[in-house]
Amino acid sequence: MQRKEHRLYFVWDYQKEEDWLNQRAAEGWNLGKVRLLTYFFEKGESNSYQYRLEYLSENPWSEAGKKYLAFMEDAE
């Protein structure tokens, strides 16, 4: 089962967005992807994930940004 929700958050509201995502996870809705202002969730087990948001200081398409994202993917 899937669900989508439209939300608007600003960068300085990252804690509010993180709390909202973790509340969804506690209800069993795990984040699948985000497109613009739309969050797509998939039904799963409650508290399967703990979400943390991190904003990059580098552009994700720059060489440094790509290296950091590759490092994070390898850390899974």
PDB file of N, CA and C in Angstrom:
ATOM      1  N   MET A   1       0.835  -1.166   0.000  1.00  0.00           N
ATOM      2  CA  MET A   1       0.000   0.000   0.000  1.00  0.00           C
ATOM      3  C   MET A   1       0.885   1.235   0.000  1.00  0.00           C
ATOM      4  N   GLN A   2       0.476   2.229  -0.763  1.00  0.00           N
ATOM      5  CA  GLN A   2       1.237   3.469  -0.845  1.00  0.00           C
ATOM      6  C   GLN A   2       0.369   4.654  -0.458  1.00  0.00           C
ATOM      7  N   ARG A   3       1.033   5.726  -0.095  1.00  0.00           N
ATOM      8  CA  ARG A   3       0.346   6.938   0.333  1.00  0.00           C
ATOM      9  C   ARG A   3       1.203   8.125  -0.088  1.00  0.00           C
ATOM     10  N   LYS A   4       0.572   9.220  -0.469  1.00  0.00           N
ATOM     11  CA  LYS A   4       1.351  10.425  -0.764  1.00  0.00           C
ATOM     12  C   LYS A   4       0.749  11.595  -0.015  1.00  0.00           C
ATOM     13  N   GLU A   5       1.635  12.487   0.410  1.00  0.00           N
ATOM     14  CA  GLU A   5       1.233  13.679   1.146  1.00  0.00           C
ATOM     15  C   GLU A   5       1.991  14.871   0.592  1.00  0.00           C
ATOM     16  N   HIS A   6       1.312  15.982   0.529  1.00  0.00           N
ATOM     17  CA  HIS A   6       1.921  17.226   0.069  1.00  0.00           C
ATOM     18  C   HIS A   6       2.247  18.077   1.291  1.00  0.00           C
ATOM     19  N   ARG A   7       3.503  18.479   1.409  1.00  0.00           N
ATOM     20  CA  ARG A   7       3.956  19.301   2.547  1.00  0.00           C
ATOM     21  C   ARG A   7       4.940  20.338   2.041  1.00  0.00           C
ATOM     22  N   LEU A   8       4.956  21.452   2.724  1.00  0.00           N
ATOM     23  CA  LEU A   8       5.922  22.510   2.430  1.00  0.00           C
ATOM     24  C   LEU A   8       6.719  22.788   3.694  1.00  0.00           C
ATOM     25  N   TYR A   9       8.035  22.624   3.591  1.00  0.00           N
ATOM     26  CA  TYR A   9       8.936  22.942   4.689  1.00  0.00           C
ATOM     27  C   TYR A   9      10.045  23.830   4.156  1.00  0.00           C
ATOM     28  N   PHE A  10      10.527  24.694   5.011  1.00  0.00           N
ATOM     29  CA  PHE A  10      11.660  25.542   4.659  1.00  0.00           C
ATOM     30  C   PHE A  10      12.912  24.973   5.319  1.00  0.00           C
ATOM     31  N   VAL A  11      14.061  25.306   4.805  1.00  0.00           N
ATOM     32  CA  VAL A  11      15.325  24.762   5.299  1.00  0.00           C
ATOM     33  C   VAL A  11      15.450  24.947   6.809  1.00  0.00           C
ATOM     34  N   TRP A  12      15.045  26.098   7.314  1.00  0.00           N
ATOM     35  CA  TRP A  12      15.184  26.357   8.752  1.00  0.00           C
ATOM     36  C   TRP A  12      14.183  25.563   9.589  1.00  0.00           C
ATOM     37  N   ASP A  13      13.226  24.878   8.949  1.00  0.00           N
ATOM     38  CA  ASP A  13      12.259  24.025   9.653  1.00  0.00           C
ATOM     39  C   ASP A  13      12.654  22.552   9.604  1.00  0.00           C
ATOM     40  N   TYR A  14      13.939  22.275   9.402  1.00  0.00           N
ATOM     41  CA  TYR A  14      14.359  20.888   9.224  1.00  0.00           C
ATOM     42  C   TYR A  14      13.969  19.996  10.403  1.00  0.00           C
ATOM     43  N   GLN A  15      14.012  20.525  11.631  1.00  0.00           N
ATOM     44  CA  GLN A  15      13.654  19.701  12.796  1.00  0.00           C
ATOM     45  C   GLN A  15      12.170  19.332  12.763  1.00  0.00           C
ATOM     46  N   LYS A  16      11.349  20.266  12.341  1.00  0.00           N
ATOM     47  CA  LYS A  16       9.915  20.010  12.212  1.00  0.00           C
ATOM     48  C   LYS A  16       9.653  18.935  11.151  1.00  0.00           C
ATOM     49  N   GLU A  17      10.355  19.027  10.025  1.00  0.00           N
ATOM     50  CA  GLU A  17      10.209  18.034   8.955  1.00  0.00           C
ATOM     51  C   GLU A  17      10.701  16.664   9.428  1.00  0.00           C
ATOM     52  N   GLU A  18      11.836  16.633  10.109  1.00  0.00           N
ATOM     53  CA  GLU A  18      12.382  15.372  10.631  1.00  0.00           C
ATOM     54  C   GLU A  18      11.409  14.729  11.620  1.00  0.00           C
ATOM     55  N   ASP A  19      10.858  15.530  12.513  1.00  0.00           N
ATOM     56  CA  ASP A  19       9.885  15.010  13.477  1.00  0.00           C
ATOM     57  C   ASP A  19       8.657  14.440  12.774  1.00  0.00           C
ATOM     58  N   TRP A  20       8.190  15.127  11.739  1.00  0.00           N
ATOM     59  CA  TRP A  20       7.032  14.682  10.978  1.00  0.00           C
ATOM     60  C   TRP A  20       7.322  13.337  10.286  1.00  0.00           C
ATOM     61  N   LEU A  21       8.491  13.214   9.679  1.00  0.00           N
ATOM     62  CA  LEU A  21       8.870  11.958   9.029  1.00  0.00           C
ATOM     63  C   LEU A  21       8.954  10.811  10.040  1.00  0.00           C
ATOM     64  N   ASN A  22       9.509  11.072  11.212  1.00  0.00           N
ATOM     65  CA  ASN A  22       9.616  10.033  12.234  1.00  0.00           C
ATOM     66  C   ASN A  22       8.263   9.663  12.821  1.00  0.00           C
ATOM     67  N   GLN A  23       7.332  10.607  12.856  1.00  0.00           N
ATOM     68  CA  GLN A  23       5.968  10.291  13.293  1.00  0.00           C
ATOM     69  C   GLN A  23       5.306   9.355  12.283  1.00  0.00           C
ATOM     70  N   ARG A  24       5.516   9.609  11.002  1.00  0.00           N
ATOM     71  CA  ARG A  24       4.977   8.720   9.961  1.00  0.00           C
ATOM     72  C   ARG A  24       5.587   7.326  10.108  1.00  0.00           C
ATOM     73  N   ALA A  25       6.889   7.255  10.363  1.00  0.00           N
ATOM     74  CA  ALA A  25       7.551   5.959  10.537  1.00  0.00           C
ATOM     75  C   ALA A  25       6.988   5.217  11.745  1.00  0.00           C
ATOM     76  N   ALA A  26       6.679   5.936  12.817  1.00  0.00           N
ATOM     77  CA  ALA A  26       6.090   5.314  14.011  1.00  0.00           C
ATOM     78  C   ALA A  26       4.717   4.734  13.692  1.00  0.00           C
ATOM     79  N   GLU A  27       4.033   5.328  12.710  1.00  0.00           N
ATOM     80  CA  GLU A  27       2.720   4.844  12.282  1.00  0.00           C
ATOM     81  C   GLU A  27       2.834   3.735  11.233  1.00  0.00           C
ATOM     82  N   GLY A  28       4.064   3.418  10.824  1.00  0.00           N
ATOM     83  CA  GLY A  28       4.277   2.358   9.842  1.00  0.00           C
ATOM     84  C   GLY A  28       4.347   2.840   8.407  1.00  0.00           C
ATOM     85  N   TRP A  29       4.498   4.141   8.189  1.00  0.00           N
ATOM     86  CA  TRP A  29       4.619   4.701   6.847  1.00  0.00           C
ATOM     87  C   TRP A  29       6.072   5.098   6.608  1.00  0.00           C
ATOM     88  N   ASN A  30       6.761   4.343   5.769  1.00  0.00           N
ATOM     89  CA  ASN A  30       8.176   4.555   5.495  1.00  0.00           C
ATOM     90  C   ASN A  30       8.353   5.360   4.215  1.00  0.00           C
ATOM     91  N   LEU A  31       9.238   6.336   4.279  1.00  0.00           N
ATOM     92  CA  LEU A  31       9.473   7.231   3.153  1.00  0.00           C
ATOM     93  C   LEU A  31      10.063   6.462   1.980  1.00  0.00           C
ATOM     94  N   GLY A  32       9.445   6.634   0.820  1.00  0.00           N
ATOM     95  CA  GLY A  32       9.952   6.014  -0.407  1.00  0.00           C
ATOM     96  C   GLY A  32      10.755   7.008  -1.216  1.00  0.00           C
ATOM     97  N   LYS A  33      10.137   8.161  -1.519  1.00  0.00           N
ATOM     98  CA  LYS A  33      10.826   9.205  -2.276  1.00  0.00           C
ATOM     99  C   LYS A  33      10.132  10.533  -2.040  1.00  0.00           C
ATOM    100  N   VAL A  34      10.817  11.593  -2.463  1.00  0.00           N
ATOM    101  CA  VAL A  34      10.278  12.948  -2.362  1.00  0.00           C
ATOM    102  C   VAL A  34      10.433  13.591  -3.725  1.00  0.00           C
ATOM    103  N   ARG A  35       9.364  14.190  -4.211  1.00  0.00           N
ATOM    104  CA  ARG A  35       9.393  14.919  -5.468  1.00  0.00           C
ATOM    105  C   ARG A  35       8.742  16.273  -5.232  1.00  0.00           C
ATOM    106  N   LEU A  36       9.521  17.341  -5.372  1.00  0.00           N
ATOM    107  CA  LEU A  36       9.059  18.702  -5.102  1.00  0.00           C
ATOM    108  C   LEU A  36       8.391  18.770  -3.739  1.00  0.00           C
ATOM    109  N   LEU A  37       7.100  18.992  -3.657  1.00  0.00           N
ATOM    110  CA  LEU A  37       6.416  19.128  -2.371  1.00  0.00           C
ATOM    111  C   LEU A  37       5.633  17.869  -2.006  1.00  0.00           C
ATOM    112  N   THR A  38       5.903  16.761  -2.684  1.00  0.00           N
ATOM    113  CA  THR A  38       5.152  15.528  -2.473  1.00  0.00           C
ATOM    114  C   THR A  38       6.043  14.446  -1.884  1.00  0.00           C
ATOM    115  N   TYR A  39       5.571  13.854  -0.787  1.00  0.00           N
ATOM    116  CA  TYR A  39       6.267  12.767  -0.105  1.00  0.00           C
ATOM    117  C   TYR A  39       5.507  11.480  -0.389  1.00  0.00           C
ATOM    118  N   PHE A  40       6.216  10.448  -0.816  1.00  0.00           N
ATOM    119  CA  PHE A  40       5.611   9.157  -1.113  1.00  0.00           C
ATOM    120  C   PHE A  40       6.032   8.159  -0.032  1.00  0.00           C
ATOM    121  N   PHE A  41       5.056   7.511   0.562  1.00  0.00           N
ATOM    122  CA  PHE A  41       5.291   6.564   1.651  1.00  0.00           C
ATOM    123  C   PHE A  41       4.805   5.177   1.255  1.00  0.00           C
ATOM    124  N   GLU A  42       5.437   4.172   1.847  1.00  0.00           N
ATOM    125  CA  GLU A  42       5.033   2.777   1.672  1.00  0.00           C
ATOM    126  C   GLU A  42       4.730   2.197   3.040  1.00  0.00           C
ATOM    127  N   LYS A  43       3.674   1.403   3.115  1.00  0.00           N
ATOM    128  CA  LYS A  43       3.283   0.796   4.382  1.00  0.00           C
ATOM    129  C   LYS A  43       4.309  -0.263   4.771  1.00  0.00           C
ATOM    130  N   GLY A  44       4.728  -0.244   6.018  1.00  0.00           N
ATOM    131  CA  GLY A  44       5.707  -1.200   6.529  1.00  0.00           C
ATOM    132  C   GLY A  44       5.499  -1.385   8.015  1.00  0.00           C
ATOM    133  N   GLU A  45       6.518  -1.870   8.673  1.00  0.00           N
ATOM    134  CA  GLU A  45       6.442  -2.056  10.123  1.00  0.00           C
ATOM    135  C   GLU A  45       6.649  -0.719  10.831  1.00  0.00           C
ATOM    136  N   SER A  46       5.973  -0.556  11.945  1.00  0.00           N
ATOM    137  CA  SER A  46       6.134   0.663  12.736  1.00  0.00           C
ATOM    138  C   SER A  46       7.563   0.775  13.250  1.00  0.00           C
ATOM    139  N   ASN A  47       8.083   1.987  13.227  1.00  0.00           N
ATOM    140  CA  ASN A  47       9.431   2.287  13.732  1.00  0.00           C
ATOM    141  C   ASN A  47      10.531   1.484  13.059  1.00  0.00           C
ATOM    142  N   SER A  48      10.340   1.130  11.794  1.00  0.00           N
ATOM    143  CA  SER A  48      11.389   0.420  11.043  1.00  0.00           C
ATOM    144  C   SER A  48      12.579   1.328  10.763  1.00  0.00           C
ATOM    145  N   TYR A  49      12.317   2.621  10.681  1.00  0.00           N
ATOM    146  CA  TYR A  49      13.359   3.583  10.341  1.00  0.00           C
ATOM    147  C   TYR A  49      13.344   4.747  11.313  1.00  0.00           C
ATOM    148  N   GLN A  50      14.512   5.345  11.468  1.00  0.00           N
ATOM    149  CA  GLN A  50      14.665   6.600  12.201  1.00  0.00           C
ATOM    150  C   GLN A  50      15.267   7.577  11.199  1.00  0.00           C
ATOM    151  N   TYR A  51      14.561   8.630  10.888  1.00  0.00           N
ATOM    152  CA  TYR A  51      15.002   9.574   9.875  1.00  0.00           C
ATOM    153  C   TYR A  51      15.788  10.722  10.487  1.00  0.00           C
ATOM    154  N   ARG A  52      16.862  11.108   9.798  1.00  0.00           N
ATOM    155  CA  ARG A  52      17.664  12.270  10.156  1.00  0.00           C
ATOM    156  C   ARG A  52      17.898  13.060   8.870  1.00  0.00           C
ATOM    157  N   LEU A  53      17.744  14.359   8.943  1.00  0.00           N
ATOM    158  CA  LEU A  53      17.965  15.209   7.781  1.00  0.00           C
ATOM    159  C   LEU A  53      19.318  15.885   7.883  1.00  0.00           C
ATOM    160  N   GLU A  54      19.967  15.987   6.758  1.00  0.00           N
ATOM    161  CA  GLU A  54      21.258  16.666   6.689  1.00  0.00           C
ATOM    162  C   GLU A  54      21.282  17.483   5.408  1.00  0.00           C
ATOM    163  N   TYR A  55      21.596  18.735   5.538  1.00  0.00           N
ATOM    164  CA  TYR A  55      21.677  19.596   4.371  1.00  0.00           C
ATOM    165  C   TYR A  55      23.142  19.765   3.991  1.00  0.00           C
ATOM    166  N   LEU A  56      23.427  19.530   2.729  1.00  0.00           N
ATOM    167  CA  LEU A  56      24.802  19.568   2.240  1.00  0.00           C
ATOM    168  C   LEU A  56      25.272  21.004   2.045  1.00  0.00           C
ATOM    169  N   SER A  57      26.509  21.241   2.410  1.00  0.00           N
ATOM    170  CA  SER A  57      27.095  22.553   2.149  1.00  0.00           C
ATOM    171  C   SER A  57      27.594  22.627   0.711  1.00  0.00           C
ATOM    172  N   GLU A  58      27.807  21.465   0.113  1.00  0.00           N
ATOM    173  CA  GLU A  58      28.268  21.381  -1.283  1.00  0.00           C
ATOM    174  C   GLU A  58      27.082  21.091  -2.199  1.00  0.00           C
ATOM    175  N   ASN A  59      27.186  21.531  -3.417  1.00  0.00           N
ATOM    176  CA  ASN A  59      26.207  21.180  -4.430  1.00  0.00           C
ATOM    177  C   ASN A  59      26.284  19.666  -4.654  1.00  0.00           C
ATOM    178  N   PRO A  60      25.171  18.925  -4.632  1.00  0.00           N
ATOM    179  CA  PRO A  60      25.231  17.472  -4.791  1.00  0.00           C
ATOM    180  C   PRO A  60      25.760  17.024  -6.156  1.00  0.00           C
ATOM    181  N   TRP A  61      25.790  17.918  -7.141  1.00  0.00           N
ATOM    182  CA  TRP A  61      26.307  17.554  -8.457  1.00  0.00           C
ATOM    183  C   TRP A  61      27.775  17.938  -8.623  1.00  0.00           C
ATOM    184  N   SER A  62      28.350  18.598  -7.616  1.00  0.00           N
ATOM    185  CA  SER A  62      29.772  18.918  -7.678  1.00  0.00           C
ATOM    186  C   SER A  62      30.578  17.660  -7.359  1.00  0.00           C
ATOM    187  N   GLU A  63      31.850  17.708  -7.621  1.00  0.00           N
ATOM    188  CA  GLU A  63      32.709  16.553  -7.359  1.00  0.00           C
ATOM    189  C   GLU A  63      32.704  16.198  -5.868  1.00  0.00           C
ATOM    190  N   ALA A  64      32.828  17.203  -5.013  1.00  0.00           N
ATOM    191  CA  ALA A  64      32.819  16.958  -3.561  1.00  0.00           C
ATOM    192  C   ALA A  64      31.463  16.420  -3.114  1.00  0.00           C
ATOM    193  N   GLY A  65      30.379  16.952  -3.664  1.00  0.00           N
ATOM    194  CA  GLY A  65      29.038  16.476  -3.324  1.00  0.00           C
ATOM    195  C   GLY A  65      28.823  15.034  -3.750  1.00  0.00           C
ATOM    196  N   LYS A  66      29.278  14.684  -4.936  1.00  0.00           N
ATOM    197  CA  LYS A  66      29.150  13.302  -5.433  1.00  0.00           C
ATOM    198  C   LYS A  66      29.939  12.333  -4.557  1.00  0.00           C
ATOM    199  N   LYS A  67      31.134  12.736  -4.144  1.00  0.00           N
ATOM    200  CA  LYS A  67      31.948  11.874  -3.276  1.00  0.00           C
ATOM    201  C   LYS A  67      31.264  11.647  -1.934  1.00  0.00           C
ATOM    202  N   TYR A  68      30.695  12.704  -1.379  1.00  0.00           N
ATOM    203  CA  TYR A  68      30.017  12.571  -0.092  1.00  0.00           C
ATOM    204  C   TYR A  68      28.799  11.663  -0.206  1.00  0.00           C
ATOM    205  N   LEU A  69      28.004  11.841  -1.240  1.00  0.00           N
ATOM    206  CA  LEU A  69      26.820  10.996  -1.423  1.00  0.00           C
ATOM    207  C   LEU A  69      27.208   9.538  -1.663  1.00  0.00           C
ATOM    208  N   ALA A  70      28.284   9.293  -2.394  1.00  0.00           N
ATOM    209  CA  ALA A  70      28.762   7.929  -2.607  1.00  0.00           C
ATOM    210  C   ALA A  70      29.208   7.317  -1.285  1.00  0.00           C
ATOM    211  N   PHE A  71      29.884   8.107  -0.453  1.00  0.00           N
ATOM    212  CA  PHE A  71      30.302   7.643   0.863  1.00  0.00           C
ATOM    213  C   PHE A  71      29.084   7.249   1.697  1.00  0.00           C
ATOM    214  N   MET A  72      28.044   8.081   1.697  1.00  0.00           N
ATOM    215  CA  MET A  72      26.840   7.801   2.462  1.00  0.00           C
ATOM    216  C   MET A  72      26.124   6.552   1.959  1.00  0.00           C
ATOM    217  N   GLU A  73      26.096   6.350   0.655  1.00  0.00           N
ATOM    218  CA  GLU A  73      25.477   5.149   0.091  1.00  0.00           C
ATOM    219  C   GLU A  73      26.241   3.894   0.509  1.00  0.00           C
ATOM    220  N   ASP A  74      27.561   3.985   0.540  1.00  0.00           N
ATOM    221  CA  ASP A  74      28.372   2.843   0.957  1.00  0.00           C
ATOM    222  C   ASP A  74      28.201   2.532   2.438  1.00  0.00           C
ATOM    223  N   ALA A  75      27.817   3.524   3.218  1.00  0.00           N
ATOM    224  CA  ALA A  75      27.681   3.346   4.674  1.00  0.00           C
ATOM    225  C   ALA A  75      26.396   2.608   5.058  1.00  0.00           C
ATOM    226  N   GLU A  76      25.496   2.404   4.119  1.00  0.00           N
ATOM    227  CA  GLU A  76      24.220   1.740   4.434  1.00  0.00           C
ATOM    228  C   GLU A  76      24.406   0.347   4.938  1.00  0.00           C
TER     229      GLU A  76
END
